[in-house]
């Protein structure tokens, strides 16, 4: 599985999924290696890509 969220070291408690005619977008906030806040938007063409990205988010450390 390709790490789509490798720019983040920690993620926020929530993320948002947007549904479009031609796919999905997931928006994930968190912190990077410098401990700065970042927001990533990942485009997913298929449901399987979206689910893989969600699994990646759920496996990451939470930013408490």
N, C-alpha and C. Protein backbone atom coordinates (compact mmCIF):
# COMPACT_ATOMS: atom_id res chain seq x y z
N UNK A 1 0.85 -1.19 0.00
CA UNK A 1 0.00 0.00 0.00
C UNK A 1 0.89 1.24 0.00
N UNK A 2 0.59 2.16 -0.86
CA UNK A 2 1.32 3.41 -0.93
C UNK A 2 0.87 4.32 0.19
N UNK A 3 1.83 4.93 0.88
CA UNK A 3 1.49 5.85 1.96
C UNK A 3 1.15 7.20 1.35
N UNK A 4 -0.11 7.54 1.38
CA UNK A 4 -0.57 8.81 0.82
C UNK A 4 -0.47 9.95 1.82
N UNK A 5 -0.32 9.61 3.09
CA UNK A 5 -0.29 10.61 4.15
C UNK A 5 1.09 10.73 4.78
N UNK A 6 2.12 10.44 4.03
CA UNK A 6 3.48 10.42 4.59
C UNK A 6 3.96 11.80 5.03
N UNK A 7 3.29 12.86 4.62
CA UNK A 7 3.68 14.20 5.05
C UNK A 7 3.23 14.50 6.48
N UNK A 8 2.35 13.65 7.01
CA UNK A 8 1.86 13.83 8.38
C UNK A 8 2.47 12.79 9.30
N UNK A 9 2.77 13.21 10.53
CA UNK A 9 3.24 12.26 11.54
C UNK A 9 2.13 11.93 12.53
N UNK A 10 1.20 12.85 12.72
CA UNK A 10 0.04 12.66 13.60
C UNK A 10 -1.19 13.20 12.88
N UNK A 11 -2.35 12.65 13.19
CA UNK A 11 -3.58 13.11 12.56
C UNK A 11 -4.59 13.58 13.62
N UNK A 12 -5.50 14.43 13.20
CA UNK A 12 -6.57 14.90 14.08
C UNK A 12 -7.59 13.78 14.29
N UNK A 13 -8.51 14.01 15.22
CA UNK A 13 -9.53 13.02 15.55
C UNK A 13 -10.52 12.79 14.41
N UNK A 14 -10.70 13.78 13.57
CA UNK A 14 -11.71 13.65 12.51
C UNK A 14 -11.10 13.90 11.14
N UNK A 15 -11.79 13.40 10.13
CA UNK A 15 -11.43 13.66 8.74
C UNK A 15 -12.73 13.77 7.96
N UNK A 16 -12.67 14.34 6.78
CA UNK A 16 -13.86 14.57 5.98
C UNK A 16 -13.72 13.88 4.63
N UNK A 17 -14.79 13.23 4.20
CA UNK A 17 -14.82 12.58 2.89
C UNK A 17 -15.83 13.32 2.03
N UNK A 18 -15.40 13.71 0.83
CA UNK A 18 -16.26 14.36 -0.14
C UNK A 18 -16.52 13.39 -1.29
N UNK A 19 -17.75 13.34 -1.73
CA UNK A 19 -18.13 12.46 -2.84
C UNK A 19 -18.38 13.31 -4.08
N UNK A 20 -17.73 12.95 -5.17
CA UNK A 20 -17.87 13.67 -6.44
C UNK A 20 -18.36 12.71 -7.52
N UNK A 21 -18.70 13.25 -8.67
CA UNK A 21 -19.16 12.41 -9.79
C UNK A 21 -18.10 11.42 -10.24
N UNK A 22 -16.83 11.82 -10.14
CA UNK A 22 -15.76 10.97 -10.68
C UNK A 22 -14.83 10.41 -9.61
N UNK A 23 -15.26 10.40 -8.35
CA UNK A 23 -14.41 9.84 -7.31
C UNK A 23 -14.68 10.45 -5.95
N UNK A 24 -13.64 10.47 -5.13
CA UNK A 24 -13.76 10.95 -3.75
C UNK A 24 -12.55 11.80 -3.39
N UNK A 25 -12.72 12.62 -2.37
CA UNK A 25 -11.59 13.34 -1.79
C UNK A 25 -11.70 13.20 -0.28
N UNK A 26 -10.57 12.93 0.36
CA UNK A 26 -10.53 12.87 1.81
C UNK A 26 -9.61 13.99 2.29
N UNK A 27 -10.09 14.73 3.28
CA UNK A 27 -9.33 15.85 3.85
C UNK A 27 -8.93 15.47 5.27
N UNK A 28 -7.62 15.48 5.52
CA UNK A 28 -7.09 15.04 6.81
C UNK A 28 -6.17 16.12 7.36
N UNK A 29 -6.39 16.52 8.59
CA UNK A 29 -5.52 17.48 9.25
C UNK A 29 -4.65 16.79 10.27
N UNK A 30 -3.53 17.43 10.60
CA UNK A 30 -2.64 16.86 11.60
C UNK A 30 -1.36 17.67 11.71
N UNK A 31 -0.29 16.99 12.09
CA UNK A 31 1.01 17.65 12.27
C UNK A 31 2.07 16.97 11.42
N UNK A 32 3.03 17.80 10.97
CA UNK A 32 4.13 17.26 10.17
C UNK A 32 5.35 17.00 11.05
N UNK A 33 6.48 16.68 10.43
CA UNK A 33 7.70 16.35 11.17
C UNK A 33 8.23 17.52 11.98
N UNK A 34 7.93 18.76 11.56
CA UNK A 34 8.36 19.95 12.30
C UNK A 34 7.34 20.36 13.36
N UNK A 35 6.31 19.54 13.56
CA UNK A 35 5.24 19.79 14.52
C UNK A 35 4.34 20.95 14.13
N UNK A 36 4.35 21.32 12.84
CA UNK A 36 3.45 22.36 12.31
C UNK A 36 2.13 21.70 11.89
N UNK A 37 1.05 22.48 11.97
CA UNK A 37 -0.25 21.99 11.52
C UNK A 37 -0.28 21.94 10.00
N UNK A 38 -0.84 20.86 9.45
CA UNK A 38 -0.98 20.69 8.00
C UNK A 38 -2.35 20.08 7.72
N UNK A 39 -2.87 20.37 6.54
CA UNK A 39 -4.08 19.73 6.05
C UNK A 39 -3.78 19.14 4.69
N UNK A 40 -4.08 17.87 4.53
CA UNK A 40 -3.87 17.20 3.26
C UNK A 40 -5.22 16.89 2.62
N UNK A 41 -5.26 17.03 1.31
CA UNK A 41 -6.44 16.64 0.54
C UNK A 41 -5.97 15.59 -0.46
N UNK A 42 -6.56 14.41 -0.36
CA UNK A 42 -6.15 13.28 -1.19
C UNK A 42 -7.31 12.89 -2.10
N UNK A 43 -7.06 12.88 -3.39
CA UNK A 43 -8.07 12.46 -4.36
C UNK A 43 -8.00 10.96 -4.55
N UNK A 44 -9.16 10.33 -4.58
CA UNK A 44 -9.25 8.88 -4.76
C UNK A 44 -10.22 8.61 -5.91
N UNK A 45 -9.76 7.92 -6.92
CA UNK A 45 -10.60 7.65 -8.08
C UNK A 45 -11.59 6.51 -7.84
N UNK A 46 -11.24 5.60 -6.94
CA UNK A 46 -12.08 4.43 -6.69
C UNK A 46 -12.35 4.26 -5.20
N UNK A 47 -13.41 3.55 -4.89
CA UNK A 47 -13.76 3.26 -3.50
C UNK A 47 -12.63 2.55 -2.76
N UNK A 48 -11.98 1.64 -3.43
CA UNK A 48 -10.90 0.88 -2.79
C UNK A 48 -9.75 1.80 -2.39
N UNK A 49 -9.44 2.81 -3.22
CA UNK A 49 -8.41 3.79 -2.86
C UNK A 49 -8.82 4.59 -1.63
N UNK A 50 -10.09 4.97 -1.59
CA UNK A 50 -10.61 5.72 -0.45
C UNK A 50 -10.50 4.89 0.83
N UNK A 51 -10.92 3.63 0.77
CA UNK A 51 -10.87 2.78 1.96
C UNK A 51 -9.44 2.52 2.41
N UNK A 52 -8.52 2.38 1.47
CA UNK A 52 -7.11 2.21 1.84
C UNK A 52 -6.58 3.44 2.54
N UNK A 53 -6.98 4.62 2.07
CA UNK A 53 -6.55 5.88 2.69
C UNK A 53 -7.15 6.03 4.08
N UNK A 54 -8.41 5.66 4.24
CA UNK A 54 -9.05 5.71 5.56
C UNK A 54 -8.35 4.77 6.53
N UNK A 55 -8.00 3.56 6.07
CA UNK A 55 -7.27 2.62 6.91
C UNK A 55 -5.93 3.21 7.34
N UNK A 56 -5.28 3.92 6.43
CA UNK A 56 -4.00 4.56 6.75
C UNK A 56 -4.19 5.62 7.83
N UNK A 57 -5.24 6.43 7.72
CA UNK A 57 -5.53 7.45 8.72
C UNK A 57 -5.77 6.80 10.08
N UNK A 58 -6.55 5.74 10.11
CA UNK A 58 -6.90 5.09 11.38
C UNK A 58 -5.71 4.42 12.04
N UNK A 59 -4.69 4.08 11.26
CA UNK A 59 -3.50 3.43 11.81
C UNK A 59 -2.48 4.43 12.35
N UNK A 60 -2.65 5.71 12.04
CA UNK A 60 -1.67 6.73 12.46
C UNK A 60 -1.92 7.18 13.89
N UNK A 61 -0.89 7.76 14.48
CA UNK A 61 -0.98 8.29 15.84
C UNK A 61 -1.86 9.54 15.87
N UNK A 62 -2.68 9.64 16.92
CA UNK A 62 -3.55 10.82 17.07
C UNK A 62 -2.77 11.99 17.66
N UNK A 63 -3.15 13.19 17.21
CA UNK A 63 -2.58 14.42 17.77
C UNK A 63 -3.48 14.84 18.93
N UNK A 64 -3.07 14.51 20.14
CA UNK A 64 -3.89 14.80 21.33
C UNK A 64 -3.65 16.19 21.82
